[in-house]
Protein backbone atom coordinates (compact mmCIF):
# COMPACT_ATOMS: atom_id res chain seq x y z
CA MET A 1 20.58 -55.12 -22.62
CA PRO A 2 23.55 -53.82 -24.62
CA SER A 3 26.88 -53.55 -22.87
CA ARG A 4 29.47 -50.83 -23.19
CA VAL A 5 32.50 -51.30 -25.41
CA GLY A 6 34.90 -51.82 -22.51
CA GLU A 7 32.59 -54.31 -20.86
CA GLY A 8 32.19 -56.20 -24.11
CA LYS A 9 35.97 -56.47 -24.42
CA HIS A 10 36.19 -57.83 -20.88
CA ALA A 11 33.50 -60.40 -21.63
CA ALA A 12 35.33 -61.53 -24.74
CA ALA A 13 38.66 -61.63 -22.95
CA SER A 14 37.28 -63.67 -20.07
CA GLY A 15 35.69 -66.20 -22.39
CA GLY A 16 32.22 -65.23 -21.18
CA ARG A 17 29.19 -64.28 -23.16
CA ARG A 18 27.29 -61.03 -23.14
CA SER A 19 23.77 -60.92 -21.83
CA ARG A 20 21.17 -61.54 -24.50
CA GLY A 21 18.99 -58.81 -23.04
CA GLY A 22 15.27 -58.89 -22.59
CA ARG A 23 13.14 -59.81 -19.63
CA LEU A 24 13.95 -62.89 -17.56
CA TYR A 25 10.39 -64.13 -17.14
CA VAL A 26 11.32 -66.97 -14.83
CA ILE A 27 12.51 -64.53 -12.15
CA ASP A 28 9.00 -63.07 -11.98
CA GLY A 29 7.71 -66.55 -11.26
CA ILE A 30 10.34 -67.20 -8.58
CA ARG A 31 9.42 -63.95 -6.84
CA LEU A 32 5.76 -64.93 -6.62
CA VAL A 33 6.65 -68.40 -5.33
CA ALA A 34 8.82 -66.77 -2.64
CA ALA A 35 5.98 -64.44 -1.63
CA LEU A 36 3.56 -67.36 -1.40
CA MET A 37 6.07 -69.28 0.72
CA VAL A 38 6.26 -66.38 3.16
CA ALA A 39 2.47 -65.96 3.26
CA VAL A 40 1.80 -69.64 3.98
CA HIS A 41 4.54 -69.56 6.61
CA HIS A 42 2.95 -66.61 8.38
CA TYR A 43 -0.48 -68.20 8.35
CA ALA A 44 0.40 -71.79 9.21
CA GLY A 45 4.10 -72.25 9.95
CA THR A 46 5.45 -69.80 12.52
CA TRP A 47 6.39 -70.44 16.13
CA ARG A 48 3.74 -67.89 17.11
CA VAL A 49 0.82 -69.73 15.47
CA ASP A 50 1.95 -73.03 16.99
CA GLN A 51 1.55 -71.86 20.57
CA PRO A 52 -1.44 -72.86 22.73
CA GLY A 53 -4.01 -70.07 22.90
CA ASN A 54 -2.35 -68.00 20.17
CA ALA A 55 -4.35 -65.03 18.90
CA ILE A 56 -4.60 -66.30 15.32
CA TRP A 57 -5.81 -69.92 15.55
CA ASP A 58 -6.38 -70.19 19.34
CA ARG A 59 -4.56 -73.54 19.42
CA PRO A 60 -1.33 -74.92 17.90
CA VAL A 61 -1.58 -74.99 14.14
CA SER A 62 0.44 -78.23 14.15
CA GLU A 63 -2.62 -79.86 15.72
CA ILE A 64 -5.04 -78.33 13.21
CA MET A 65 -3.12 -79.16 10.00
CA PRO A 66 0.12 -81.00 10.84
CA THR A 67 1.26 -81.66 7.26
CA VAL A 68 0.75 -78.06 6.20
CA PHE A 69 2.60 -76.87 9.30
CA ARG A 70 5.64 -79.07 8.58
CA LEU A 71 5.91 -77.65 5.06
CA ALA A 72 4.99 -74.07 5.98
CA SER A 73 7.58 -73.98 8.75
CA TYR A 74 10.24 -73.58 6.02
CA GLY A 75 8.43 -70.80 4.15
CA TRP A 76 10.46 -68.06 5.83
CA ILE A 77 13.30 -68.88 3.43
CA GLY A 78 11.30 -66.93 0.87
CA VAL A 79 12.80 -63.77 2.39
CA GLU A 80 16.35 -64.94 1.69
CA ILE A 81 15.22 -65.77 -1.84
CA PHE A 82 13.91 -62.21 -2.17
CA PHE A 83 17.27 -60.80 -1.13
CA VAL A 84 19.20 -62.86 -3.69
CA ILE A 85 16.79 -61.92 -6.46
CA SER A 86 17.00 -58.27 -5.41
CA GLY A 87 20.77 -58.30 -5.82
CA PHE A 88 20.40 -59.83 -9.29
CA VAL A 89 17.60 -57.54 -10.48
CA ILE A 90 19.03 -54.30 -9.08
CA CYS A 91 22.35 -54.92 -10.80
CA MET A 92 20.58 -55.77 -14.05
CA SER A 93 18.22 -52.80 -14.00
CA CYS A 94 20.90 -50.26 -13.00
CA TRP A 95 23.49 -51.16 -15.62
CA GLY A 96 24.17 -48.05 -17.70
CA ARG A 97 21.94 -45.83 -15.54
CA THR A 98 22.83 -42.63 -13.73
CA PRO A 99 22.41 -42.22 -9.95
CA ARG A 100 19.38 -40.00 -10.63
CA GLN A 101 17.74 -42.71 -12.73
CA PHE A 102 18.56 -45.28 -10.07
CA PHE A 103 17.01 -43.13 -7.32
CA VAL A 104 13.86 -42.39 -9.31
CA SER A 105 13.40 -46.04 -10.28
CA ARG A 106 13.62 -47.16 -6.64
CA VAL A 107 11.20 -44.49 -5.38
CA ILE A 108 8.52 -45.19 -7.95
CA ARG A 109 8.94 -48.94 -7.48
CA LEU A 110 8.84 -49.06 -3.69
CA TYR A 111 6.64 -46.29 -2.36
CA PRO A 112 3.20 -46.36 -4.08
CA ALA A 113 2.27 -49.90 -2.99
CA TYR A 114 3.96 -49.35 0.37
CA TRP A 115 1.91 -46.24 1.13
CA PHE A 116 -1.25 -48.17 0.29
CA ALA A 117 -0.13 -51.06 2.51
CA VAL A 118 0.47 -48.79 5.51
CA ALA A 119 -2.96 -47.19 5.12
CA PHE A 120 -4.71 -50.51 4.44
CA THR A 121 -3.13 -52.35 7.37
CA THR A 122 -3.82 -49.47 9.74
CA ALA A 123 -7.46 -49.44 8.62
CA VAL A 124 -7.74 -53.18 9.27
CA LEU A 125 -6.29 -52.76 12.76
CA ILE A 126 -8.80 -50.01 13.53
CA ALA A 127 -11.74 -51.98 12.14
CA VAL A 128 -10.78 -55.32 13.70
CA PRO A 129 -8.95 -54.76 17.00
CA GLY A 130 -7.72 -57.37 19.44
CA VAL A 131 -5.26 -59.41 17.38
CA TRP A 132 -2.40 -56.97 16.80
CA GLU A 133 -1.48 -53.81 18.66
CA ARG A 134 -2.12 -50.64 16.69
CA LEU A 135 0.62 -48.01 16.62
CA ARG A 136 0.13 -44.41 17.65
CA LEU A 137 -0.71 -41.99 14.85
CA ARG A 138 2.72 -40.34 14.90
CA GLU A 139 4.35 -43.76 14.50
CA VAL A 140 2.05 -44.68 11.63
CA LEU A 141 2.86 -41.40 9.89
CA LEU A 142 6.60 -41.97 10.28
CA ASN A 143 6.13 -45.42 8.74
CA LEU A 144 5.19 -43.66 5.51
CA THR A 145 8.84 -42.68 5.11
CA MET A 146 9.97 -46.33 5.16
CA LEU A 147 12.76 -45.14 7.46
CA GLN A 148 11.10 -45.96 10.77
CA SER A 149 13.66 -48.63 11.68
CA GLY A 150 16.37 -45.97 11.60
CA SER A 151 14.41 -44.02 14.21
CA ALA A 152 13.66 -47.04 16.44
CA VAL A 153 9.95 -46.79 15.62
CA PRO A 154 7.96 -50.05 15.26
CA ASN A 155 6.68 -51.20 11.86
CA VAL A 156 2.96 -51.03 11.10
CA ASP A 157 3.40 -54.57 9.80
CA GLY A 158 6.25 -56.82 10.90
CA VAL A 159 7.16 -57.79 7.33
CA TYR A 160 8.50 -54.29 6.68
CA TRP A 161 11.76 -55.23 8.39
CA THR A 162 13.06 -56.54 5.07
CA LEU A 163 12.62 -53.12 3.46
CA TRP A 164 15.20 -51.71 5.89
CA SER A 165 17.71 -54.26 4.60
CA GLU A 166 16.79 -53.42 1.01
CA LEU A 167 17.20 -49.68 1.58
CA ARG A 168 20.67 -50.10 3.08
CA PHE A 169 21.68 -52.24 0.11
CA TYR A 170 20.42 -49.57 -2.32
CA LEU A 171 22.33 -46.84 -0.49
CA LEU A 172 25.58 -48.78 -0.67
CA PHE A 173 25.11 -49.84 -4.28
CA LEU A 174 24.32 -46.25 -5.25
CA VAL A 175 28.04 -45.53 -4.73
CA VAL A 176 28.95 -48.06 -7.41
CA VAL A 177 26.23 -46.79 -9.72
CA ALA A 178 27.64 -43.26 -9.35
CA MET A 179 31.10 -44.54 -10.33
CA GLY A 180 29.67 -46.44 -13.31
CA LEU A 181 28.90 -50.15 -13.19
CA THR A 182 31.59 -52.45 -14.55
CA TYR A 183 32.49 -56.07 -13.91
CA ARG A 184 35.54 -55.06 -11.88
CA ARG A 185 33.72 -52.49 -9.73
CA VAL A 186 30.86 -54.82 -8.87
CA VAL A 187 33.31 -57.60 -7.94
CA VAL A 188 35.28 -55.21 -5.72
CA PHE A 189 32.02 -54.05 -4.13
CA CYS A 190 31.06 -57.65 -3.37
CA CYS A 191 34.43 -58.35 -1.76
CA VAL A 192 34.58 -55.15 0.30
CA TRP A 193 30.96 -55.37 1.47
CA GLY A 194 31.34 -59.07 2.25
CA ALA A 195 34.46 -58.42 4.33
CA ALA A 196 32.69 -55.63 6.22
CA ALA A 197 29.71 -57.88 6.88
CA MET A 198 32.00 -60.58 8.29
CA LEU A 199 33.86 -58.16 10.56
CA ALA A 200 30.87 -56.13 11.75
CA PRO A 201 29.52 -58.60 14.37
CA VAL A 202 32.86 -58.76 16.21
CA SER A 203 33.87 -55.12 15.74
CA ASP A 204 31.60 -53.75 18.45
CA LEU A 205 30.92 -50.81 16.10
CA HIS A 206 27.21 -50.21 15.81
CA LEU A 207 27.57 -47.95 12.77
CA LEU A 208 29.57 -50.58 10.87
CA GLU A 209 26.99 -53.24 11.68
CA LEU A 210 24.20 -50.91 10.56
CA VAL A 211 25.88 -50.19 7.23
CA ALA A 212 27.34 -53.65 6.57
CA ASN A 213 24.03 -55.42 7.29
CA PRO A 214 25.63 -58.79 8.18
CA ASP A 215 22.24 -60.52 8.38
CA GLY A 216 21.46 -59.90 4.72
CA ALA A 217 24.61 -58.78 2.92
CA TRP A 218 25.72 -62.14 1.57
CA TYR A 219 22.33 -62.89 0.02
CA PHE A 220 22.47 -59.64 -1.97
CA ILE A 221 26.09 -60.41 -2.88
CA ALA A 222 25.01 -63.80 -4.22
CA GLY A 223 22.51 -62.03 -6.48
CA LEU A 224 25.16 -59.62 -7.74
CA ALA A 225 27.57 -62.47 -8.55
CA LEU A 226 24.81 -64.35 -10.36
CA TYR A 227 24.03 -61.32 -12.50
CA LEU A 228 27.69 -60.95 -13.42
CA MET A 229 27.60 -64.60 -14.50
CA HIS A 230 24.56 -63.79 -16.61
CA ARG A 231 26.10 -60.73 -18.23
CA PHE A 232 29.74 -61.80 -18.66
CA GLY A 233 29.73 -65.56 -18.28
CA GLN A 234 31.04 -67.73 -15.45
CA ASP A 235 34.58 -67.68 -14.11
CA LEU A 236 36.37 -68.98 -11.03
CA LEU A 237 36.19 -65.65 -9.20
CA LEU A 238 32.41 -65.45 -9.50
CA TRP A 239 32.04 -69.07 -8.42
CA GLY A 240 34.23 -68.25 -5.43
CA ILE A 241 32.03 -65.30 -4.44
CA LEU A 242 28.92 -67.44 -4.83
CA ALA A 243 30.47 -70.25 -2.78
CA MET A 244 31.35 -67.78 -0.04
CA ALA A 245 27.79 -66.45 -0.13
CA TRP A 246 26.49 -70.02 0.30
CA LEU A 247 28.82 -70.66 3.24
CA MET A 248 27.85 -67.45 4.98
CA GLY A 249 24.21 -67.98 4.06
CA GLN A 250 23.98 -71.44 5.61
CA LEU A 251 25.42 -70.03 8.84
CA GLU A 252 22.89 -67.21 8.85
CA LEU A 253 20.05 -69.66 8.18
CA GLY A 254 21.06 -71.58 11.29
CA ASN A 255 21.26 -68.40 13.36
CA ARG A 256 17.82 -67.32 12.23
CA ILE A 257 16.33 -70.70 13.10
CA GLU A 258 17.80 -70.57 16.60
CA GLU A 259 17.01 -66.93 17.33
CA VAL A 260 13.75 -66.24 15.48
CA GLU A 261 11.99 -69.09 13.67
CA ARG A 262 12.47 -72.07 16.03
CA VAL A 263 10.14 -74.29 13.97
CA SER A 264 12.30 -75.73 11.16
CA GLY A 265 15.56 -77.62 10.80
CA TRP A 266 18.92 -76.36 9.57
CA ARG A 267 19.42 -79.25 7.13
CA GLY A 268 16.08 -78.79 5.41
CA SER A 269 16.64 -75.03 5.20
CA VAL A 270 20.07 -75.48 3.62
CA VAL A 271 18.68 -77.97 1.09
CA ILE A 272 15.99 -75.49 0.01
CA PHE A 273 18.43 -72.59 -0.16
CA THR A 274 20.98 -74.64 -2.11
CA ALA A 275 18.37 -75.83 -4.59
CA PHE A 276 17.30 -72.22 -5.14
CA LEU A 277 20.88 -71.03 -5.72
CA LEU A 278 21.48 -73.84 -8.22
CA PHE A 279 18.31 -72.88 -10.04
CA MET A 280 19.47 -69.27 -10.14
CA VAL A 281 22.78 -70.45 -11.61
CA ALA A 282 20.73 -72.10 -14.37
CA VAL A 283 18.89 -68.81 -14.89
CA ALA A 284 22.14 -66.84 -14.96
CA LEU A 285 23.73 -69.18 -17.51
CA GLY A 286 20.73 -68.97 -19.81
CA TYR A 287 19.19 -72.42 -19.37
CA THR A 288 15.74 -70.94 -18.66
CA ASP A 289 15.73 -68.30 -21.40
CA ARG A 290 13.15 -70.23 -23.43
CA ILE A 291 10.58 -69.70 -20.70
CA ARG A 292 8.66 -66.65 -21.95
CA TRP A 293 5.18 -67.12 -20.56
CA LYS A 294 3.48 -63.72 -20.52
CA TRP A 295 1.47 -64.49 -17.39
CA LEU A 296 4.71 -64.57 -15.40
CA VAL A 297 4.95 -60.79 -15.84
CA THR A 298 1.62 -60.45 -14.03
CA ALA A 299 2.81 -62.92 -11.38
CA GLY A 300 5.86 -60.76 -10.74
CA ALA A 301 3.72 -57.62 -10.50
CA LEU A 302 1.62 -59.20 -7.73
CA THR A 303 4.61 -60.10 -5.57
CA TYR A 304 5.43 -56.81 -3.87
CA PRO A 305 1.85 -55.79 -2.97
CA LEU A 306 1.11 -59.33 -1.75
CA TYR A 307 4.15 -59.33 0.49
CA LEU A 308 3.28 -55.94 1.99
CA ILE A 309 -0.39 -56.55 2.80
CA HIS A 310 -0.73 -60.24 3.61
CA TYR A 311 0.57 -60.62 7.17
CA VAL A 312 -1.24 -58.49 9.74
CA ALA A 313 -4.45 -58.22 7.72
CA GLY A 314 -4.42 -61.91 6.81
CA THR A 315 -3.83 -63.22 10.33
CA THR A 316 -6.54 -60.86 11.60
CA LEU A 317 -8.98 -62.39 9.10
CA ILE A 318 -7.99 -65.88 10.23
CA ASN A 319 -8.79 -64.89 13.80
CA ARG A 320 -12.33 -63.89 12.78
CA LEU A 321 -13.02 -66.70 10.28
CA ARG A 322 -11.19 -69.70 11.75
CA ASP A 323 -14.40 -71.45 12.87
CA THR A 324 -16.27 -70.94 9.60
CA MET A 325 -14.49 -73.46 7.34
CA ASP A 326 -11.68 -76.01 7.10
CA ALA A 327 -8.38 -74.41 8.10
CA ARG A 328 -6.59 -75.39 4.89
CA LEU A 329 -9.42 -73.98 2.79
CA LEU A 330 -9.39 -70.79 4.84
CA VAL A 331 -5.66 -70.26 4.21
CA ALA A 332 -6.18 -70.88 0.48
CA VAL A 333 -9.16 -68.50 0.30
CA ILE A 334 -7.33 -65.72 2.13
CA ILE A 335 -4.26 -66.03 -0.09
CA ALA A 336 -6.45 -66.01 -3.20
CA GLY A 337 -8.22 -62.91 -1.91
CA PHE A 338 -4.96 -61.11 -1.31
CA LEU A 339 -3.73 -62.06 -4.78
CA VAL A 340 -6.80 -60.36 -6.24
CA LEU A 341 -6.26 -57.32 -4.02
CA SER A 342 -2.59 -57.25 -5.04
CA TRP A 343 -3.60 -57.13 -8.70
CA LEU A 344 -5.94 -54.22 -7.96
CA VAL A 345 -3.19 -52.42 -6.04
CA HIS A 346 -0.85 -52.88 -8.99
CA ARG A 347 -3.36 -51.62 -11.55
CA CYS A 348 -5.09 -48.88 -9.55
CA VAL A 349 -2.34 -47.64 -7.23
CA GLU A 350 1.15 -48.57 -8.40
CA ARG A 351 0.76 -47.71 -12.07
CA PRO A 352 -0.90 -44.27 -11.80
CA VAL A 353 1.00 -43.12 -8.71
CA SER A 354 4.32 -44.26 -10.19
CA ARG A 355 3.66 -42.19 -13.31
CA LEU A 356 2.88 -39.12 -11.21
CA LEU A 357 5.96 -39.61 -9.04
CA LYS A 358 8.23 -40.12 -12.02
CA GLY A 359 6.98 -36.96 -13.70
CA GLY A 360 7.37 -34.93 -10.52
CA LEU A 361 10.84 -36.28 -9.71
CA ASP A 362 12.10 -35.80 -13.27
CA THR A 363 10.90 -32.20 -13.17
CA SER A 364 12.54 -31.64 -9.79
CA PHE A 365 15.90 -33.05 -10.89
CA ALA A 366 15.75 -30.99 -14.10
CA ARG A 367 15.25 -27.87 -11.97
CA LEU A 368 18.22 -28.84 -9.79
CA ARG A 369 20.38 -29.31 -12.87
CA ASN A 370 19.34 -25.99 -14.35
CA ALA A 371 19.80 -24.21 -11.03
CA GLY A 372 23.34 -25.55 -10.90
CA ASN A 373 24.04 -24.01 -14.30
CA GLY A 374 22.49 -20.67 -13.36
C-alpha cells in the first residue's frame, strides 16, 4: 500500500522501511486459529460446561475429556488475539481513506453476516428450546442494530459482547481517520487512549469508562503499534507502546480469569499471549511475508461467520447429540459443520448483501454531498 510523500519522508528519517503492500496472508490464518480456539473453549473449556448437571454436557466436561478441557480452558485468549489483530487490520485498511470510506467498509464488513447470525441463532432457540433462554421479539429486533449493549438489552448470543468493544474502537479511531492518518497522529491516539483507559476505572465516571473501554483498549493499541512497525519500521517509541500494552494486557488477563473464566491459570495465559505478540512482531517486521498460501484467504473469510454462529447453536447441538458419539468426535464434527456453514454464509450472504449495501450507501452519501452543494 503506497504511502504519502510526508509519511515516506518520516519513514526514511526514522530509519524504518515502508510497507511492501499487498495482503498479509498469515493474519488470515491467525484469525481462523483464534476463532477455533474460542469455539473449542466454549464447547469444552468453560467454567459453565465443567459444572455438575450443566445444560450442555450434563456433567463436568473435565470428567468426560480431561486433556481437551485442560487445553480448551485457555481458548478464551482468542478474543484478545482478535482485538490485537483488529487494531492492526483497521489501521492498515483505513490508511489513505476518507471517513465515508471507513464507515462504509465497516458496515458492509460487519452487518451482513451478523444479521444472518441473529436470525439463525434465534431460529435455533425456537426450534430447540431448553438450553438457552430466548429473548423477547423486541429485544431480538434491537439486536439487529448491533447497539443493544448501549441500551442495556441482552445479546441474542453471548459472543456479541466483543462487537460492542469493536464498535467503540471504530468510533474513536474514526476521529483520527477524519484528521488523516499519519505516524504521529496514530501514536498520539495510542497514548491518549491508553491514558484514558488507565484512568477510567478509578475516575468513577461511567461515560469515560464507556468510551475508554479499559477492558479492551490496550489490545487494540498493541495492534496499532504493530501496524506502525510494519509500515514505518521499528523504533523505541513503538516498542515502548507495545511493552505497555503487554503490561496492561497481562493484568487484564488475570482480572478476566478471576472474574469470568475461572478455569485457567495466569501464567499459562500470559505465555500464550506473549507468544502471540512476538509472532505478530515477526509479521510486522516482514519475516512472514513469504507465506502466500491462497487458502489462507478462505480461512480468513470463515472467521467472522464462525465466531458469530458457533456458540449458542453449537452448545444446543451438543445438548441433543452428546449421547450419540464420543465427546471429542462430537466437538470436531460440530466445528467442521459450522466451518461449512460459515463458508456458505460468506458466499451466499456476505458477498451479495455487501455489494447491495455498498451500492446503496455510496448512492446515499453522493446525495448528501450534492445536497450540501445545492
